[in-house]
Every structure is written in C-alpha cells, then in structure tokens.
N, C-alpha and C. Protein backbone atom coordinates (compact mmCIF):
# COMPACT_ATOMS: atom_id res chain seq x y z
N MET A 1 -35.08 5.93 -11.07
CA MET A 1 -34.44 7.03 -10.39
C MET A 1 -34.20 6.71 -8.92
N SER A 2 -35.15 6.05 -8.31
CA SER A 2 -34.97 5.73 -6.89
C SER A 2 -33.82 4.74 -6.68
N TRP A 3 -33.58 3.86 -7.69
CA TRP A 3 -32.47 2.93 -7.58
C TRP A 3 -31.15 3.67 -7.51
N ASN A 4 -30.96 4.72 -8.34
CA ASN A 4 -29.74 5.50 -8.32
C ASN A 4 -29.55 6.19 -6.98
N MET A 5 -30.60 6.75 -6.43
CA MET A 5 -30.50 7.40 -5.13
C MET A 5 -30.15 6.36 -4.07
N SER A 6 -30.75 5.21 -4.13
CA SER A 6 -30.46 4.17 -3.17
C SER A 6 -29.01 3.71 -3.29
N ARG A 7 -28.55 3.57 -4.52
CA ARG A 7 -27.18 3.14 -4.76
C ARG A 7 -26.20 4.19 -4.24
N LYS A 8 -26.49 5.48 -4.50
CA LYS A 8 -25.64 6.55 -3.99
C LYS A 8 -25.64 6.56 -2.47
N GLY A 9 -26.79 6.32 -1.89
CA GLY A 9 -26.87 6.26 -0.43
C GLY A 9 -26.06 5.10 0.13
N THR A 10 -26.10 3.97 -0.57
CA THR A 10 -25.32 2.81 -0.14
C THR A 10 -23.83 3.11 -0.23
N TYR A 11 -23.41 3.73 -1.34
CA TYR A 11 -22.00 4.13 -1.47
C TYR A 11 -21.61 5.04 -0.32
N GLY A 12 -22.45 6.02 -0.05
CA GLY A 12 -22.16 6.99 1.01
C GLY A 12 -22.04 6.34 2.38
N ILE A 13 -22.94 5.44 2.69
CA ILE A 13 -22.89 4.76 3.99
C ILE A 13 -21.64 3.91 4.12
N ILE A 14 -21.32 3.16 3.08
CA ILE A 14 -20.13 2.30 3.12
C ILE A 14 -18.87 3.14 3.20
N LEU A 15 -18.82 4.23 2.44
CA LEU A 15 -17.66 5.13 2.49
C LEU A 15 -17.52 5.75 3.88
N ALA A 16 -18.64 6.18 4.45
CA ALA A 16 -18.59 6.77 5.80
C ALA A 16 -18.11 5.74 6.83
N LEU A 17 -18.60 4.51 6.73
CA LEU A 17 -18.16 3.47 7.66
C LEU A 17 -16.68 3.16 7.48
N ALA A 18 -16.20 3.13 6.23
CA ALA A 18 -14.78 2.88 5.99
C ALA A 18 -13.93 4.00 6.56
N ILE A 19 -14.37 5.25 6.43
CA ILE A 19 -13.63 6.39 6.99
C ILE A 19 -13.64 6.33 8.51
N ILE A 20 -14.78 5.99 9.10
CA ILE A 20 -14.86 5.85 10.56
C ILE A 20 -13.91 4.74 11.02
N ALA A 21 -13.88 3.63 10.29
CA ALA A 21 -12.96 2.54 10.64
C ALA A 21 -11.51 3.00 10.55
N ALA A 22 -11.19 3.79 9.53
CA ALA A 22 -9.83 4.30 9.37
C ALA A 22 -9.47 5.23 10.53
N VAL A 23 -10.38 6.12 10.91
CA VAL A 23 -10.14 7.03 12.03
C VAL A 23 -9.98 6.23 13.32
N PHE A 24 -10.84 5.24 13.51
CA PHE A 24 -10.74 4.36 14.68
C PHE A 24 -9.37 3.67 14.69
N GLY A 25 -8.95 3.22 13.52
CA GLY A 25 -7.64 2.56 13.42
C GLY A 25 -6.50 3.48 13.80
N VAL A 26 -6.55 4.73 13.34
CA VAL A 26 -5.50 5.69 13.69
C VAL A 26 -5.53 5.99 15.18
N ALA A 27 -6.73 6.16 15.73
CA ALA A 27 -6.86 6.50 17.15
C ALA A 27 -6.30 5.40 18.05
N PHE A 28 -6.50 4.16 17.68
CA PHE A 28 -6.06 3.06 18.53
C PHE A 28 -4.73 2.44 18.11
N SER A 29 -4.13 2.94 17.06
CA SER A 29 -2.85 2.40 16.61
C SER A 29 -1.74 2.60 17.63
N SER A 30 -1.84 3.67 18.39
CA SER A 30 -0.79 3.92 19.39
C SER A 30 -0.73 2.79 20.42
N LEU A 31 -1.83 2.08 20.61
CA LEU A 31 -1.83 0.95 21.54
C LEU A 31 -0.97 -0.20 21.03
N THR A 32 -0.86 -0.30 19.72
CA THR A 32 -0.16 -1.43 19.13
C THR A 32 1.25 -1.11 18.70
N ALA A 33 1.73 0.12 18.98
CA ALA A 33 3.08 0.50 18.57
C ALA A 33 4.09 -0.43 19.22
N PRO A 34 5.12 -0.83 18.49
CA PRO A 34 6.08 -1.78 19.03
C PRO A 34 6.89 -1.19 20.18
N PRO A 35 7.05 -1.92 21.27
CA PRO A 35 7.86 -1.42 22.38
C PRO A 35 9.34 -1.41 22.01
N ASP A 36 10.10 -0.58 22.72
CA ASP A 36 11.52 -0.43 22.44
C ASP A 36 12.27 -1.76 22.54
N ARG A 37 11.87 -2.62 23.44
CA ARG A 37 12.62 -3.85 23.66
C ARG A 37 12.52 -4.83 22.49
N MET A 38 11.60 -4.57 21.55
CA MET A 38 11.44 -5.48 20.42
C MET A 38 12.35 -5.12 19.26
N LEU A 39 13.05 -4.01 19.36
CA LEU A 39 13.92 -3.58 18.27
C LEU A 39 15.27 -4.27 18.37
N PRO A 40 15.79 -4.74 17.24
CA PRO A 40 17.13 -5.33 17.26
C PRO A 40 18.17 -4.23 17.45
N GLU A 41 19.10 -4.44 18.35
CA GLU A 41 20.13 -3.43 18.61
C GLU A 41 21.52 -4.05 18.68
N PRO A 42 22.04 -4.53 17.54
CA PRO A 42 23.42 -5.00 17.55
C PRO A 42 24.36 -3.82 17.79
N PRO A 43 25.59 -4.07 18.22
CA PRO A 43 26.51 -2.98 18.54
C PRO A 43 26.75 -2.00 17.41
N ASP A 44 26.72 -2.45 16.16
CA ASP A 44 27.00 -1.55 15.05
C ASP A 44 25.73 -1.00 14.39
N PHE A 45 24.60 -1.15 15.06
CA PHE A 45 23.33 -0.68 14.51
C PHE A 45 23.15 0.79 14.87
N GLU A 46 23.26 1.69 13.87
CA GLU A 46 23.29 3.12 14.14
C GLU A 46 21.93 3.80 13.99
N HIS A 47 20.99 3.21 13.30
CA HIS A 47 19.76 3.91 12.97
C HIS A 47 18.54 3.32 13.68
N VAL A 48 18.67 3.04 14.96
CA VAL A 48 17.57 2.44 15.72
C VAL A 48 16.38 3.38 15.78
N ASP A 49 16.62 4.67 15.99
CA ASP A 49 15.51 5.62 16.08
C ASP A 49 14.75 5.72 14.78
N ASP A 50 15.45 5.70 13.64
CA ASP A 50 14.77 5.74 12.35
C ASP A 50 13.92 4.50 12.15
N LEU A 51 14.44 3.34 12.54
CA LEU A 51 13.70 2.09 12.41
C LEU A 51 12.44 2.13 13.28
N ARG A 52 12.56 2.65 14.49
CA ARG A 52 11.44 2.75 15.41
C ARG A 52 10.35 3.65 14.81
N ASP A 53 10.73 4.80 14.24
CA ASP A 53 9.76 5.71 13.63
C ASP A 53 9.08 5.05 12.44
N ASP A 54 9.84 4.39 11.60
CA ASP A 54 9.27 3.70 10.44
C ASP A 54 8.30 2.61 10.88
N ALA A 55 8.66 1.87 11.92
CA ALA A 55 7.81 0.77 12.40
C ALA A 55 6.46 1.30 12.86
N GLU A 56 6.45 2.44 13.54
CA GLU A 56 5.19 3.01 14.00
C GLU A 56 4.32 3.41 12.81
N VAL A 57 4.91 3.98 11.79
CA VAL A 57 4.14 4.36 10.59
C VAL A 57 3.57 3.12 9.93
N TYR A 58 4.36 2.05 9.82
CA TYR A 58 3.87 0.82 9.21
C TYR A 58 2.70 0.23 10.00
N VAL A 59 2.77 0.29 11.32
CA VAL A 59 1.68 -0.22 12.15
C VAL A 59 0.43 0.63 11.94
N TYR A 60 0.57 1.95 11.87
CA TYR A 60 -0.58 2.83 11.62
C TYR A 60 -1.23 2.50 10.28
N VAL A 61 -0.41 2.39 9.23
CA VAL A 61 -0.95 2.13 7.89
C VAL A 61 -1.65 0.77 7.87
N LYS A 62 -1.04 -0.24 8.45
CA LYS A 62 -1.64 -1.58 8.48
C LYS A 62 -2.97 -1.56 9.24
N THR A 63 -3.02 -0.83 10.34
CA THR A 63 -4.25 -0.75 11.13
C THR A 63 -5.36 -0.07 10.34
N VAL A 64 -5.04 1.02 9.67
CA VAL A 64 -6.04 1.74 8.88
C VAL A 64 -6.56 0.85 7.76
N LEU A 65 -5.66 0.24 7.00
CA LEU A 65 -6.08 -0.59 5.87
C LEU A 65 -6.88 -1.80 6.31
N SER A 66 -6.44 -2.48 7.35
CA SER A 66 -7.18 -3.67 7.77
C SER A 66 -8.53 -3.29 8.39
N SER A 67 -8.63 -2.11 9.03
CA SER A 67 -9.92 -1.65 9.55
C SER A 67 -10.89 -1.35 8.41
N MET A 68 -10.38 -0.72 7.36
CA MET A 68 -11.22 -0.45 6.19
C MET A 68 -11.64 -1.76 5.51
N ASN A 69 -10.74 -2.74 5.47
CA ASN A 69 -11.06 -4.03 4.86
C ASN A 69 -12.16 -4.75 5.63
N ILE A 70 -12.20 -4.58 6.94
CA ILE A 70 -13.27 -5.19 7.74
C ILE A 70 -14.62 -4.64 7.31
N VAL A 71 -14.70 -3.33 7.13
CA VAL A 71 -15.95 -2.70 6.71
C VAL A 71 -16.34 -3.15 5.30
N LEU A 72 -15.37 -3.13 4.37
CA LEU A 72 -15.67 -3.52 2.99
C LEU A 72 -16.10 -4.98 2.89
N ALA A 73 -15.40 -5.87 3.57
CA ALA A 73 -15.75 -7.30 3.52
C ALA A 73 -17.12 -7.55 4.15
N THR A 74 -17.43 -6.85 5.24
CA THR A 74 -18.74 -7.01 5.88
C THR A 74 -19.86 -6.54 4.94
N ALA A 75 -19.64 -5.40 4.27
CA ALA A 75 -20.64 -4.92 3.31
C ALA A 75 -20.84 -5.92 2.19
N LEU A 76 -19.77 -6.49 1.69
CA LEU A 76 -19.88 -7.47 0.60
C LEU A 76 -20.58 -8.75 1.06
N ILE A 77 -20.32 -9.17 2.28
CA ILE A 77 -21.02 -10.36 2.80
C ILE A 77 -22.52 -10.10 2.83
N MET A 78 -22.91 -8.92 3.29
CA MET A 78 -24.34 -8.58 3.36
C MET A 78 -24.96 -8.54 1.96
N ILE A 79 -24.25 -7.96 1.00
CA ILE A 79 -24.77 -7.88 -0.37
C ILE A 79 -24.93 -9.27 -0.97
N TYR A 80 -23.89 -10.10 -0.88
CA TYR A 80 -23.95 -11.42 -1.51
C TYR A 80 -24.86 -12.38 -0.76
N ALA A 81 -25.02 -12.19 0.55
CA ALA A 81 -25.99 -13.02 1.28
C ALA A 81 -27.40 -12.70 0.79
N GLY A 82 -27.66 -11.41 0.52
CA GLY A 82 -28.96 -11.04 -0.03
C GLY A 82 -29.16 -11.61 -1.42
N VAL A 83 -28.12 -11.58 -2.24
CA VAL A 83 -28.21 -12.17 -3.58
C VAL A 83 -28.45 -13.67 -3.47
N TYR A 84 -27.76 -14.33 -2.55
CA TYR A 84 -27.94 -15.77 -2.40
C TYR A 84 -29.36 -16.10 -1.92
N ARG A 85 -29.88 -15.32 -0.98
CA ARG A 85 -31.25 -15.56 -0.50
C ARG A 85 -32.26 -15.43 -1.64
N THR A 86 -32.00 -14.50 -2.55
CA THR A 86 -32.92 -14.26 -3.65
C THR A 86 -32.78 -15.31 -4.75
N LEU A 87 -31.55 -15.59 -5.17
CA LEU A 87 -31.32 -16.44 -6.34
C LEU A 87 -30.97 -17.89 -6.03
N ARG A 88 -30.50 -18.15 -4.84
CA ARG A 88 -30.01 -19.50 -4.48
C ARG A 88 -28.95 -19.98 -5.46
N SER A 89 -28.06 -19.08 -5.83
CA SER A 89 -27.00 -19.38 -6.79
C SER A 89 -25.75 -19.88 -6.06
N ASP A 90 -25.15 -20.93 -6.59
CA ASP A 90 -23.90 -21.42 -6.01
C ASP A 90 -22.79 -20.38 -6.12
N PHE A 91 -22.83 -19.60 -7.20
CA PHE A 91 -21.82 -18.56 -7.38
C PHE A 91 -21.93 -17.51 -6.27
N ALA A 92 -23.14 -17.09 -5.95
CA ALA A 92 -23.34 -16.12 -4.87
C ALA A 92 -22.90 -16.71 -3.53
N LEU A 93 -23.18 -17.98 -3.31
CA LEU A 93 -22.74 -18.63 -2.08
C LEU A 93 -21.22 -18.67 -2.01
N GLY A 94 -20.58 -18.94 -3.14
CA GLY A 94 -19.12 -18.91 -3.19
C GLY A 94 -18.57 -17.53 -2.87
N LEU A 95 -19.23 -16.49 -3.35
CA LEU A 95 -18.80 -15.13 -3.04
C LEU A 95 -18.97 -14.82 -1.55
N VAL A 96 -20.02 -15.33 -0.94
CA VAL A 96 -20.20 -15.15 0.51
C VAL A 96 -19.04 -15.82 1.26
N VAL A 97 -18.72 -17.05 0.88
CA VAL A 97 -17.63 -17.77 1.54
C VAL A 97 -16.30 -17.05 1.32
N MET A 98 -16.04 -16.57 0.10
CA MET A 98 -14.80 -15.85 -0.17
C MET A 98 -14.70 -14.58 0.67
N ASN A 99 -15.79 -13.87 0.81
CA ASN A 99 -15.77 -12.64 1.59
C ASN A 99 -15.69 -12.91 3.09
N ILE A 100 -16.19 -14.03 3.53
CA ILE A 100 -15.99 -14.43 4.93
C ILE A 100 -14.50 -14.68 5.17
N ALA A 101 -13.84 -15.31 4.20
CA ALA A 101 -12.40 -15.53 4.31
C ALA A 101 -11.65 -14.19 4.32
N MET A 102 -12.05 -13.26 3.46
CA MET A 102 -11.42 -11.93 3.45
C MET A 102 -11.66 -11.19 4.76
N LEU A 103 -12.87 -11.32 5.31
CA LEU A 103 -13.17 -10.69 6.60
C LEU A 103 -12.31 -11.31 7.69
N SER A 104 -12.16 -12.62 7.66
CA SER A 104 -11.31 -13.30 8.66
C SER A 104 -9.87 -12.83 8.55
N TYR A 105 -9.39 -12.68 7.32
CA TYR A 105 -8.04 -12.16 7.11
C TYR A 105 -7.90 -10.75 7.67
N ALA A 106 -8.87 -9.89 7.36
CA ALA A 106 -8.81 -8.51 7.82
C ALA A 106 -8.84 -8.41 9.34
N VAL A 107 -9.68 -9.21 9.96
CA VAL A 107 -9.79 -9.17 11.43
C VAL A 107 -8.50 -9.68 12.07
N THR A 108 -7.99 -10.80 11.59
CA THR A 108 -6.80 -11.37 12.23
C THR A 108 -5.52 -10.61 11.91
N SER A 109 -5.50 -9.85 10.82
CA SER A 109 -4.30 -9.08 10.50
C SER A 109 -4.33 -7.68 11.13
N ASN A 110 -5.43 -7.30 11.72
CA ASN A 110 -5.55 -5.97 12.32
C ASN A 110 -4.75 -5.90 13.62
N PRO A 111 -3.78 -5.00 13.71
CA PRO A 111 -2.97 -4.89 14.93
C PRO A 111 -3.77 -4.60 16.19
N ILE A 112 -4.92 -3.93 16.06
CA ILE A 112 -5.76 -3.67 17.23
C ILE A 112 -6.30 -4.97 17.79
N VAL A 113 -6.80 -5.84 16.92
CA VAL A 113 -7.31 -7.14 17.36
C VAL A 113 -6.18 -7.96 17.96
N GLN A 114 -5.02 -7.95 17.33
CA GLN A 114 -3.87 -8.68 17.87
C GLN A 114 -3.50 -8.14 19.25
N TRP A 115 -3.55 -6.83 19.43
CA TRP A 115 -3.23 -6.22 20.73
C TRP A 115 -4.23 -6.66 21.78
N PHE A 116 -5.54 -6.65 21.43
CA PHE A 116 -6.57 -7.08 22.38
C PHE A 116 -6.40 -8.54 22.76
N LEU A 117 -5.83 -9.34 21.89
CA LEU A 117 -5.61 -10.76 22.18
C LEU A 117 -4.29 -11.01 22.91
N GLY A 118 -3.55 -9.95 23.20
CA GLY A 118 -2.34 -10.08 24.00
C GLY A 118 -1.04 -10.07 23.23
N TYR A 119 -1.08 -9.82 21.94
CA TYR A 119 0.14 -9.80 21.14
C TYR A 119 0.48 -8.36 20.77
N LYS A 120 1.75 -8.06 20.73
CA LYS A 120 2.21 -6.74 20.33
C LYS A 120 2.69 -6.81 18.88
N ALA A 121 2.63 -5.67 18.22
CA ALA A 121 3.09 -5.60 16.83
C ALA A 121 4.58 -5.90 16.79
N ILE A 122 4.96 -6.73 15.85
CA ILE A 122 6.36 -7.10 15.70
C ILE A 122 6.89 -6.41 14.45
N ILE A 123 8.02 -5.77 14.59
CA ILE A 123 8.57 -5.07 13.45
C ILE A 123 9.61 -5.94 12.77
N GLY A 124 10.15 -5.42 11.70
CA GLY A 124 11.20 -6.13 11.01
C GLY A 124 10.81 -6.52 9.60
N ILE A 125 9.51 -6.47 9.28
CA ILE A 125 9.09 -6.81 7.94
C ILE A 125 8.85 -5.55 7.11
N GLY A 126 8.96 -4.40 7.73
CA GLY A 126 8.85 -3.14 7.02
C GLY A 126 7.52 -2.98 6.31
N PRO A 127 7.55 -2.37 5.13
CA PRO A 127 6.29 -2.12 4.42
C PRO A 127 5.60 -3.38 3.94
N PHE A 128 6.31 -4.51 3.92
CA PHE A 128 5.68 -5.74 3.47
C PHE A 128 4.58 -6.19 4.43
N GLY A 129 4.56 -5.64 5.62
CA GLY A 129 3.51 -5.96 6.58
C GLY A 129 2.16 -5.37 6.19
N TRP A 130 2.14 -4.31 5.40
CA TRP A 130 0.87 -3.70 5.02
C TRP A 130 0.59 -3.71 3.52
N ILE A 131 1.53 -4.08 2.71
CA ILE A 131 1.29 -4.07 1.26
C ILE A 131 0.19 -5.07 0.89
N ALA A 132 0.15 -6.22 1.52
CA ALA A 132 -0.92 -7.19 1.25
C ALA A 132 -2.27 -6.61 1.61
N ASP A 133 -2.34 -5.86 2.71
CA ASP A 133 -3.60 -5.21 3.09
C ASP A 133 -4.00 -4.15 2.06
N PHE A 134 -3.03 -3.46 1.49
CA PHE A 134 -3.32 -2.46 0.46
C PHE A 134 -3.96 -3.12 -0.76
N PHE A 135 -3.39 -4.23 -1.21
CA PHE A 135 -3.95 -4.93 -2.36
C PHE A 135 -5.32 -5.54 -2.04
N ALA A 136 -5.49 -6.01 -0.81
CA ALA A 136 -6.80 -6.53 -0.41
C ALA A 136 -7.84 -5.41 -0.41
N THR A 137 -7.44 -4.21 0.01
CA THR A 137 -8.35 -3.06 -0.01
C THR A 137 -8.78 -2.75 -1.44
N ILE A 138 -7.83 -2.75 -2.36
CA ILE A 138 -8.16 -2.49 -3.77
C ILE A 138 -9.11 -3.57 -4.30
N ALA A 139 -8.83 -4.82 -3.99
CA ALA A 139 -9.69 -5.92 -4.46
C ALA A 139 -11.09 -5.82 -3.88
N LEU A 140 -11.20 -5.57 -2.58
CA LEU A 140 -12.52 -5.48 -1.95
C LEU A 140 -13.30 -4.26 -2.45
N ALA A 141 -12.61 -3.13 -2.61
CA ALA A 141 -13.28 -1.93 -3.10
C ALA A 141 -13.77 -2.12 -4.54
N THR A 142 -12.97 -2.79 -5.37
CA THR A 142 -13.38 -3.06 -6.74
C THR A 142 -14.57 -4.00 -6.77
N LEU A 143 -14.53 -5.04 -5.96
CA LEU A 143 -15.63 -5.99 -5.90
C LEU A 143 -16.91 -5.30 -5.40
N LEU A 144 -16.78 -4.41 -4.42
CA LEU A 144 -17.92 -3.67 -3.93
C LEU A 144 -18.50 -2.77 -5.02
N TRP A 145 -17.62 -2.07 -5.72
CA TRP A 145 -18.06 -1.18 -6.81
C TRP A 145 -18.80 -1.98 -7.89
N LEU A 146 -18.25 -3.12 -8.27
CA LEU A 146 -18.91 -3.94 -9.28
C LEU A 146 -20.23 -4.52 -8.76
N SER A 147 -20.29 -4.85 -7.50
CA SER A 147 -21.50 -5.44 -6.92
C SER A 147 -22.63 -4.45 -6.82
N LEU A 148 -22.31 -3.18 -6.66
CA LEU A 148 -23.36 -2.17 -6.52
C LEU A 148 -23.76 -1.55 -7.85
N GLU A 149 -23.12 -1.97 -8.93
CA GLU A 149 -23.48 -1.45 -10.27
C GLU A 149 -24.76 -2.07 -10.76
C-alpha cells in the first residue's frame, strides 16, 4: 500500500513540476518573440500581421513543450540512475544516456535558453518548429509512466 502512495506522490510531484515549467515557459515566452525585422516582407506579401501572430503562438507552444520535456527528462534520468546504481545493468545505463540526450535536446531547443544565449526565435518554419517537441513530450511521458509502473 505504501508503494502505491509513493508512486502517486511521485506522479503528483512530476506533474506539478511539469506544470510549473509550462507556466514558466509561457511567462518568459514573450522574451523570445520574433522581432518585426525578422519577418519577410516582399512587396506582394499581404498577410504579415497574420504571420507575426502565428509565429508568436508557435514560439509559446515550443517554449511550453520544451520546458515540460526538461522536467520529464530530468525525472527519467533520476529514475534510471537509481536503477543503474541498484542493478548495474547496461540497459539501465543506456536509458540514462538516452535521457541525457533527450534532456540536451530539450534544453537546446527551448527558446528561453536560446534567448539567454543571445539568439532570437526565427520564424518561417511554422508549426514544424514545435511538432518534434510534441512527439518528444509524448515519448518522455510514456517512458515515465512505464518506468513508474
């Protein structure tokens, strides 16, 4: 019975941290919004304002997803590092390395981190800029769910 309570508590903590990361991402996304000068404006381009609005939404979504991925990957690293310390399994070590790679991806793809390093969000790739983060979130959340079972 105590294992179930502990597992529920772990789910709750990780979910709370992911939500906090998402809120943090939304709060700081305005820092990474693309400046007007980065938008292409050929003479016959009529929908610049629509493109600008869409770009801001894409940056917000990417920031939220990559912030949540940072929390999920960090939780998985901690879980698999504990498994590796206990079992000394090559498979567990491989999972630690894979999750370190996922954490590195999440950190480097986060527009907030890019902004702090001096780069501004670049538009033009539309929703394809965050779809990979969406699939990474699904993969990390599934792996976390399976790991805590």
